[in-house]
Protein backbone atom coordinates (compact mmCIF):
# COMPACT_ATOMS: atom_id res chain seq x y z
CA MET A 1 12.40 57.16 29.03
CA HIS A 2 11.26 58.78 32.30
CA LEU A 3 7.49 58.88 32.71
CA ARG A 4 5.45 60.55 35.43
CA PHE A 5 1.86 59.43 35.22
CA SER A 6 -1.11 61.53 36.21
CA SER A 7 -4.74 60.70 35.47
CA ASP A 8 -4.79 62.75 32.26
CA LYS A 9 -1.51 61.24 31.02
CA ALA A 10 -2.74 57.74 31.79
CA MET A 11 -5.82 58.50 29.69
CA MET A 12 -3.59 59.73 26.84
CA TYR A 13 -1.57 56.51 26.85
CA ILE A 14 -4.70 54.37 26.81
CA ILE A 15 -6.14 56.34 23.88
CA ALA A 16 -2.80 56.21 22.03
CA LEU A 17 -2.68 52.42 22.42
CA LEU A 18 -6.27 52.03 21.24
CA LEU A 19 -5.45 54.10 18.14
CA LEU A 20 -2.83 51.50 17.18
CA LEU A 21 -5.30 48.62 17.15
CA SER A 22 -6.09 48.72 13.44
CA SER A 23 -7.95 46.08 11.44
CA SER A 24 -4.64 44.32 10.74
CA CYS A 25 -3.77 43.98 14.44
CA MET A 26 -3.09 40.32 15.22
CA TRP A 27 -4.80 40.59 18.61
CA PHE A 28 -8.10 40.84 16.72
CA LEU A 29 -7.21 38.37 13.97
CA SER A 30 -5.82 35.48 16.04
CA MET A 31 -8.00 32.61 17.20
CA PRO A 32 -10.11 32.42 19.27
CA MET A 33 -10.51 36.24 19.24
CA ALA A 34 -11.21 36.33 15.50
CA SER A 35 -14.26 34.09 15.98
CA ILE A 36 -15.97 36.62 18.27
CA THR A 37 -18.56 38.57 16.28
CA GLY A 38 -18.29 42.32 16.57
CA LEU A 39 -14.98 42.23 18.47
CA LYS A 40 -13.54 45.03 16.34
CA ASN A 41 -16.41 47.29 17.42
CA ILE A 42 -15.13 47.11 21.00
CA GLN A 43 -12.14 49.21 19.95
CA TYR A 44 -14.45 52.00 18.77
CA ILE A 45 -16.57 51.78 21.92
CA PHE A 46 -13.61 52.00 24.30
CA LEU A 47 -11.84 54.61 22.19
CA THR A 48 -14.81 56.97 22.11
CA LEU A 49 -15.54 56.30 25.79
CA PHE A 50 -12.00 57.15 26.89
CA CYS A 51 -11.97 60.22 24.63
CA LEU A 52 -15.16 61.51 26.24
CA ILE A 53 -13.78 60.91 29.72
CA GLY A 54 -10.44 62.36 28.65
CA CYS A 55 -12.09 65.67 27.77
CA PHE A 56 -12.68 66.26 31.48
CA TYR A 57 -9.31 64.89 32.62
CA ASN A 58 -7.45 67.31 30.33
CA GLY A 59 -8.53 70.29 32.42
CA LYS A 60 -11.02 73.09 31.87
CA MET A 61 -13.41 72.50 28.99
CA GLN A 62 -14.86 75.64 27.45
CA ILE A 63 -16.98 74.95 24.38
CA ARG A 64 -16.87 78.01 22.16
CA HIS A 65 -19.55 78.97 19.66
CA ARG A 66 -17.06 78.90 16.80
CA ALA A 67 -16.13 75.27 17.52
CA ILE A 68 -19.80 74.27 17.68
CA LEU A 69 -20.54 75.99 14.38
CA VAL A 70 -17.53 74.38 12.68
CA LEU A 71 -18.47 70.92 13.97
CA PHE A 72 -22.10 71.45 12.95
CA ALA A 73 -20.99 72.43 9.43
CA ILE A 74 -18.68 69.41 9.14
CA VAL A 75 -21.35 66.98 10.36
CA LEU A 76 -23.80 68.43 7.82
CA TYR A 77 -21.10 68.02 5.17
CA LEU A 78 -20.59 64.37 6.12
CA LEU A 79 -24.33 63.65 6.32
CA PHE A 80 -24.90 65.16 2.88
CA TYR A 81 -22.47 62.57 1.48
CA LEU A 82 -24.55 59.82 3.12
CA VAL A 83 -27.79 61.25 1.69
CA ILE A 84 -26.29 61.23 -1.80
CA THR A 85 -24.57 57.83 -1.71
CA ARG A 86 -26.82 55.99 0.82
CA SER A 87 -24.07 53.43 1.42
CA ASN A 88 -23.50 51.50 4.67
CA PRO A 89 -25.40 54.08 6.75
CA VAL A 90 -24.95 52.42 10.17
CA GLY A 91 -21.21 51.89 9.78
CA TYR A 92 -20.71 55.36 8.32
CA LEU A 93 -22.70 57.16 11.03
CA THR A 94 -21.10 55.28 13.93
CA LYS A 95 -17.53 54.79 12.68
CA HIS A 96 -17.05 58.00 10.75
CA VAL A 97 -19.45 60.76 11.76
CA LEU A 98 -19.97 60.03 15.48
CA VAL A 99 -16.36 59.00 16.10
CA PHE A 100 -15.14 62.11 14.27
CA ALA A 101 -17.32 64.38 16.43
CA ILE A 102 -15.98 62.82 19.65
CA PHE A 103 -12.39 63.06 18.38
CA PHE A 104 -13.06 66.72 17.55
CA PHE A 105 -14.11 67.49 21.13
CA TYR A 106 -11.21 65.53 22.63
CA CYS A 107 -8.64 67.23 20.41
CA GLY A 108 -10.26 70.56 21.22
CA SER A 109 -9.81 69.90 24.94
CA LEU A 110 -6.15 69.03 24.33
CA ILE A 111 -5.61 72.27 22.42
CA GLN A 112 -7.46 74.44 24.94
CA ASN A 113 -5.35 73.12 27.80
CA GLY A 114 -2.05 73.14 25.88
CA LYS A 115 -1.65 69.36 25.97
CA VAL A 116 -1.31 68.47 22.29
CA GLU A 117 2.45 67.98 22.68
CA GLU A 118 1.84 65.71 25.68
CA PHE A 119 -0.54 63.56 23.68
CA ALA A 120 1.91 63.42 20.74
CA LYS A 121 4.59 62.32 23.22
CA ALA A 122 2.30 59.60 24.57
CA PHE A 123 1.61 58.32 21.05
CA VAL A 124 5.32 58.29 20.18
CA ASN A 125 6.19 56.50 23.45
CA VAL A 126 3.58 53.80 22.86
CA VAL A 127 4.88 53.21 19.33
CA SER A 128 8.42 53.15 20.82
CA VAL A 129 7.47 50.29 23.13
CA VAL A 130 5.89 48.34 20.27
CA ALA A 131 8.97 48.99 18.11
CA ALA A 132 11.46 47.98 20.84
CA VAL A 133 9.59 44.78 21.72
CA SER A 134 9.20 43.82 18.06
CA LEU A 135 12.91 44.40 17.35
CA PHE A 136 13.88 42.25 20.34
CA PHE A 137 11.72 39.28 19.35
CA TRP A 138 12.45 39.73 15.64
CA LEU A 139 16.21 39.57 16.26
CA PHE A 140 16.33 36.85 18.92
CA GLY A 141 13.30 34.92 17.71
CA SER A 142 12.79 35.20 13.96
CA VAL A 143 16.43 35.83 12.94
CA LEU A 144 18.62 34.03 15.50
CA GLY A 145 16.08 31.49 16.74
CA VAL A 146 17.21 31.84 20.37
CA ILE A 147 13.65 32.45 21.60
CA LYS A 148 10.96 30.01 20.54
CA GLY A 149 7.41 31.07 19.78
CA ALA A 150 4.09 29.26 19.75
CA SER A 151 2.02 28.42 16.69
CA THR A 152 -1.21 30.40 16.35
CA SER A 153 -4.07 30.32 13.85
CA TYR A 154 -5.41 33.58 12.52
CA PHE A 155 -7.86 34.85 9.90
CA TRP A 156 -6.50 37.19 7.24
CA ALA A 157 -7.18 37.96 3.57
CA ALA A 158 -10.32 35.81 3.46
CA GLY A 159 -8.53 32.69 4.70
CA ASN A 160 -7.28 30.83 7.75
CA ARG A 161 -3.51 31.00 8.21
CA THR A 162 -0.87 30.05 10.74
CA THR A 163 1.63 32.34 12.46
CA VAL A 164 4.05 32.18 15.37
CA ASN A 165 3.44 34.41 18.37
CA TYR A 166 5.98 35.41 20.99
CA TYR A 167 4.02 35.91 24.21
CA TRP A 168 1.40 37.72 22.09
CA LEU A 169 3.76 40.71 21.94
CA TYR A 170 5.22 39.97 18.50
CA PHE A 171 3.95 37.87 15.59
CA GLU A 172 6.18 36.20 13.02
CA ASN A 173 4.17 36.08 9.81
CA ARG A 174 6.22 33.96 7.40
CA ILE A 175 3.75 34.73 4.62
CA GLN A 176 5.27 38.23 4.73
CA ALA A 177 8.85 36.94 4.33
CA THR A 178 10.91 38.29 1.44
CA GLU A 179 13.98 37.15 -0.48
CA ILE A 180 17.27 39.08 -0.36
CA LEU A 181 20.30 37.79 -2.32
CA GLY A 182 18.67 34.41 -2.59
CA GLN A 183 18.03 34.17 1.16
CA THR A 184 14.59 34.15 2.75
CA VAL A 185 14.39 36.93 5.34
CA ILE A 186 11.61 37.27 7.92
CA ARG A 187 10.14 40.75 8.01
CA ASN A 188 9.33 42.46 11.29
CA THR A 189 5.56 42.82 11.36
CA GLY A 190 5.27 43.71 15.05
CA ILE A 191 1.73 43.09 16.30
CA TYR A 192 0.27 43.32 12.79
CA ALA A 193 -0.52 40.89 9.99
CA GLU A 194 1.67 42.71 7.48
CA ALA A 195 4.81 44.85 7.45
CA PRO A 196 3.29 47.87 5.61
CA GLY A 197 0.63 48.18 8.32
CA PHE A 198 3.32 48.27 11.01
CA SER A 199 5.50 50.72 9.07
CA GLY A 200 2.50 53.06 8.71
CA TYR A 201 2.44 53.74 12.46
CA LEU A 202 6.23 53.95 12.58
CA ILE A 203 6.04 56.66 9.90
CA MET A 204 3.54 58.64 11.99
CA ALA A 205 5.68 58.43 15.13
CA LEU A 206 8.88 59.25 13.24
CA ALA A 207 7.21 62.21 11.52
CA ILE A 208 6.39 63.61 14.99
CA ALA A 209 9.80 62.88 16.51
CA ILE A 210 12.31 63.78 13.77
CA PRO A 211 11.51 67.54 13.42
CA ALA A 212 11.50 68.00 17.22
CA ASP A 213 14.65 68.69 19.22
CA ASN A 214 16.42 65.89 21.08
CA GLU A 215 15.23 67.15 24.45
CA LYS A 216 11.63 66.29 23.58
CA TYR A 217 12.39 63.14 21.61
CA PRO A 218 15.85 61.66 22.32
CA LEU A 219 18.07 60.63 19.42
CA ARG A 220 17.95 57.00 20.60
CA GLN A 221 14.17 57.05 20.18
CA LYS A 222 14.48 58.31 16.61
CA VAL A 223 17.15 55.68 15.85
CA LEU A 224 14.85 53.01 17.30
CA PHE A 225 12.12 53.97 14.82
CA VAL A 226 14.55 53.89 11.90
CA LEU A 227 15.87 50.45 12.91
CA ALA A 228 12.33 49.13 13.31
CA MET A 229 11.42 50.60 9.91
CA VAL A 230 14.42 48.93 8.26
CA SER A 231 13.55 45.58 9.90
CA THR A 232 10.09 45.65 8.31
CA LEU A 233 11.83 45.58 4.89
CA SER A 234 8.90 47.65 3.66
CA THR A 235 9.47 49.66 0.49
CA LYS A 236 7.12 52.29 1.86
CA GLY A 237 9.05 52.51 5.12
CA LEU A 238 12.49 52.78 3.53
CA ILE A 239 11.37 55.53 1.15
CA ALA A 240 9.59 57.31 4.02
CA VAL A 241 12.78 57.44 6.09
CA MET A 242 14.71 59.07 3.22
CA ILE A 243 11.94 61.60 2.58
CA LEU A 244 11.69 62.46 6.29
CA ILE A 245 15.43 63.02 6.64
CA ALA A 246 15.44 65.24 3.55
CA LEU A 247 12.38 67.26 4.62
CA ASN A 248 13.74 67.71 8.13
CA TYR A 249 17.07 68.99 6.87
CA LEU A 250 15.61 71.29 4.23
CA LEU A 251 12.89 72.80 6.40
CA THR A 252 14.44 72.96 9.87
CA HIS A 253 17.95 74.17 8.98
CA PRO A 254 17.68 77.74 7.65
CA ALA A 255 20.33 78.82 5.14
CA LYS A 256 21.93 81.86 6.82
CA SER A 257 24.72 82.24 4.29
CA ALA A 258 25.41 81.63 0.61
CA SER A 259 27.53 78.55 1.41
CA LYS A 260 24.76 77.07 3.58
CA PHE A 261 22.26 77.73 0.80
CA ILE A 262 24.49 75.93 -1.73
CA GLN A 263 24.89 73.02 0.72
CA LYS A 264 21.11 72.75 1.05
CA ILE A 265 20.65 72.80 -2.73
CA PHE A 266 23.31 70.11 -3.13
CA PHE A 267 21.79 68.03 -0.33
CA ALA A 268 18.30 68.37 -1.79
CA PHE A 269 19.56 67.30 -5.21
CA ALA A 270 21.44 64.34 -3.69
CA ILE A 271 18.43 63.19 -1.68
CA ILE A 272 16.07 63.52 -4.64
CA THR A 273 18.51 61.52 -6.76
CA VAL A 274 18.94 58.80 -4.11
CA VAL A 275 15.18 58.57 -3.43
CA SER A 276 14.38 58.47 -7.16
CA LEU A 277 17.05 55.87 -7.90
CA GLY A 278 16.10 53.79 -4.86
CA THR A 279 12.42 53.93 -5.75
CA TYR A 280 13.18 52.98 -9.35
CA LEU A 281 15.34 50.00 -8.34
CA LEU A 282 12.81 48.82 -5.75
CA LEU A 283 9.91 49.12 -8.17
CA GLU A 284 11.90 47.41 -10.92
CA ASP A 285 12.72 44.58 -8.54
CA LYS A 286 9.11 44.29 -7.44
CA SER A 287 7.60 44.78 -10.91
CA THR A 288 7.70 41.03 -11.53
CA THR A 289 5.97 40.19 -8.23
CA SER A 290 2.26 39.53 -7.88
CA SER A 291 2.07 42.13 -5.08
CA TYR A 292 3.26 44.89 -7.41
CA ARG A 293 0.91 43.84 -10.23
CA ILE A 294 -2.03 43.74 -7.82
CA ARG A 295 -1.19 47.20 -6.43
CA MET A 296 -0.98 48.70 -9.90
CA ASP A 297 -4.24 46.97 -10.84
CA ASP A 298 -5.85 48.37 -7.69
CA VAL A 299 -4.89 51.88 -8.82
CA GLN A 300 -6.30 51.29 -12.30
CA ALA A 301 -9.50 49.75 -10.92
CA ALA A 302 -10.01 52.55 -8.39
CA LEU A 303 -9.45 55.30 -10.97
CA SER A 304 -11.82 53.59 -13.41
CA THR A 305 -14.46 53.50 -10.67
CA TRP A 306 -13.85 57.14 -9.76
CA LYS A 307 -14.34 58.28 -13.37
CA LYS A 308 -17.91 56.96 -13.15
CA HIS A 309 -18.57 58.72 -9.80
CA VAL A 310 -16.31 61.78 -9.90
CA LEU A 311 -17.92 63.97 -7.25
CA PHE A 312 -19.21 61.56 -4.58
CA GLY A 313 -17.62 58.21 -5.45
CA SER A 314 -19.29 54.82 -5.29
CA GLY A 315 -20.07 55.07 -1.57
CA TYR A 316 -18.54 54.52 1.87
CA ARG A 317 -16.57 51.23 1.85
CA GLU A 318 -18.38 50.13 -1.33
CA THR A 319 -15.98 47.76 -3.06
CA ASN A 320 -18.10 46.00 -5.68
CA ASP A 321 -17.56 48.61 -8.41
CA ILE A 322 -13.80 48.54 -7.81
CA ILE A 323 -13.72 44.72 -7.78
CA ASN A 324 -15.61 44.61 -11.07
CA ASN A 325 -12.77 46.65 -12.62
CA PHE A 326 -10.03 44.21 -11.55
CA SER A 327 -8.00 42.79 -14.42
CA VAL A 328 -5.40 40.86 -12.39
CA SER A 329 -6.46 37.70 -10.55
CA ARG A 330 -5.81 37.59 -6.81
CA SER A 331 -6.58 35.27 -3.89
CA ASN A 332 -8.81 37.85 -2.18
CA ASN A 333 -10.51 41.16 -2.89
CA GLY A 334 -8.57 43.25 -0.39
CA LEU A 335 -7.70 46.74 -1.63
CA SER A 336 -4.45 48.70 -1.40
CA MET A 337 -3.30 52.26 -2.25
CA GLY A 338 -5.62 54.15 0.10
CA LEU A 339 -5.86 57.55 -1.61
CA THR A 340 -7.13 56.11 -4.89
CA VAL A 341 -9.56 53.92 -2.96
CA LEU A 342 -10.81 57.00 -1.09
CA LEU A 343 -11.18 58.79 -4.41
CA ALA A 344 -13.15 55.86 -5.86
CA GLN A 345 -15.44 55.49 -2.85
CA GLY A 346 -15.71 59.10 -1.68
CA GLY A 347 -14.94 61.07 -4.82
CA VAL A 348 -13.61 64.61 -4.79
CA TYR A 349 -16.11 65.36 -2.01
CA MET A 350 -14.49 63.12 0.64
CA VAL A 351 -10.93 63.78 -0.51
CA ALA A 352 -11.69 67.48 0.11
CA PHE A 353 -12.84 66.62 3.65
CA TYR A 354 -9.40 65.17 4.41
CA ALA A 355 -7.43 67.84 2.53
CA ILE A 356 -9.19 70.84 4.13
CA SER A 357 -8.17 69.59 7.60
CA LEU A 358 -4.48 69.78 6.67
CA ILE A 359 -4.90 73.13 4.93
CA CYS A 360 -6.63 74.59 8.01
CA ALA A 361 -3.92 73.32 10.37
CA LEU A 362 -1.16 74.72 8.16
CA ASN A 363 -2.90 78.07 7.81
CA VAL A 364 -3.38 78.51 11.56
CA SER A 365 0.11 77.29 12.48
CA ARG A 366 1.68 79.65 9.93
CA ARG A 367 0.23 82.59 11.85
CA ILE A 368 1.36 81.23 15.22
CA ASP A 369 4.93 79.99 14.85
CA ARG A 370 7.30 79.00 12.03
CA ILE A 371 8.61 75.95 13.90
CA LEU A 372 5.07 74.70 14.53
CA PHE A 373 4.20 75.26 10.87
CA THR A 374 7.27 73.28 9.78
CA ARG A 375 6.46 70.35 12.06
CA ILE A 376 2.85 70.20 10.88
CA LEU A 377 3.97 70.46 7.25
CA ILE A 378 6.41 67.54 7.61
CA PHE A 379 3.82 65.48 9.49
CA GLY A 380 1.16 66.31 6.88
CA VAL A 381 3.39 65.30 3.97
CA MET A 382 4.05 61.91 5.59
CA ILE A 383 0.35 61.33 6.33
CA VAL A 384 -0.44 61.99 2.66
CA PHE A 385 2.40 59.63 1.69
CA ASN A 386 0.96 57.00 4.04
CA LEU A 387 -2.49 57.41 2.50
CA VAL A 388 -1.15 57.09 -1.03
CA ILE A 389 0.70 53.82 -0.37
CA SER A 390 -1.50 52.06 2.21
CA THR A 391 -5.18 51.69 3.07
CA PHE A 392 -5.18 54.04 6.06
CA GLN A 393 -8.06 56.18 4.77
CA TYR A 394 -10.63 54.79 7.26
CA ASP A 395 -8.19 53.96 10.06
CA VAL A 396 -9.20 55.52 13.39
CA THR A 397 -5.75 57.10 13.72
CA THR A 398 -6.19 58.89 10.39
CA LEU A 399 -9.66 60.08 11.42
CA PHE A 400 -8.20 61.28 14.74
CA ILE A 401 -5.55 63.31 12.87
CA VAL A 402 -8.20 64.82 10.56
CA ALA A 403 -10.35 65.78 13.56
CA CYS A 404 -7.32 67.34 15.26
CA GLY A 405 -6.66 69.46 12.17
CA TYR A 406 -10.19 70.88 12.19
CA ALA A 407 -10.15 71.40 15.97
CA PHE A 408 -6.80 73.20 15.70
CA ALA A 409 -8.30 75.61 13.19
CA CYS A 410 -11.09 76.81 15.50
CA THR A 411 -9.87 76.27 19.08
CA SER A 412 -7.70 78.62 21.11
CA PRO A 413 -5.79 77.76 24.31
CA LEU A 414 -7.45 78.90 27.52
CA LYS A 415 -5.79 81.73 29.40
CA HIS A 416 -4.58 80.57 32.80
């Protein structure tokens, strides 16, 4: 991986790294960091600060009237939701509205100066480093035991727990271990508290890399993501890999003859069959586990809550109504299955906010270039998949992607 750093690229890499520091990042959860009040807010402060600075490092910044009008309309849309629900106003205004506006300007500056691909490359490279390091320590530490780690206390799921860290670059969370053929297998959780959280970012990076040619994203980089995904032993990750391979083949390999068309139909049928069978077997295997029962109960509880607040939901990050609809006991009140949670808390109104961003990006890209449209379509499908399975609805990376979709719809590259 040959990198030539300039000031704007350095800024991109910093922003990409900050986007990976989600609420399940062990750097925030481990002691003594977890005991520092408001530590998580530092991520938002630095992220917005670097995005603002990055606007000027990206090159010429020309703020067009159309972009201002679109942003003004979106902010009014978001504020109307707050007026109606009146839930967690400070957190919503700072972590959703303000952050979105800054992301919008930063993404606009990337688009104007033709640097979206560079930023995507930076994000993929950062995830590559995390994946490579995690695979190394997972194999030689967790699996083979050649490298020894150090015990570390951390706070997760409303309780104090113990993990093993390897130079603070990889965390072995045995609570996430699974059983395969009667053997306990440690899952690769990277720098996160759980495997699904790690696989979520791997899905994003893989969705960017797979549709692109090997000159932009080498085959070894794509293989690295697949290996890291497999090592997480995440149901979501394994299904995502199969869906991505199928989508990439079906959408990026045009059928120029009758035989090629028949091959694509056969391949599509085979992939659908394998994905369906694999999903069925995995769900059947997990159906007896508490994790599966809790996830299904989360869906039921969220949908029950949404039925009472169809249009606007119960409010931003309001969990009490959902918790009151639980029917399966659990050790904590953490929620899963992000799209149903978003529906319960934001109603049709906030789901539309997310959906319109993807629709706008697809509509604009369709008029520009078929290849661009295909890449955005594949990426969009995987983001929706990620939202359905995991609680990424309020993650800063998701909000960044939504802002980029809106900025893409109303920003044109500058003529040089």
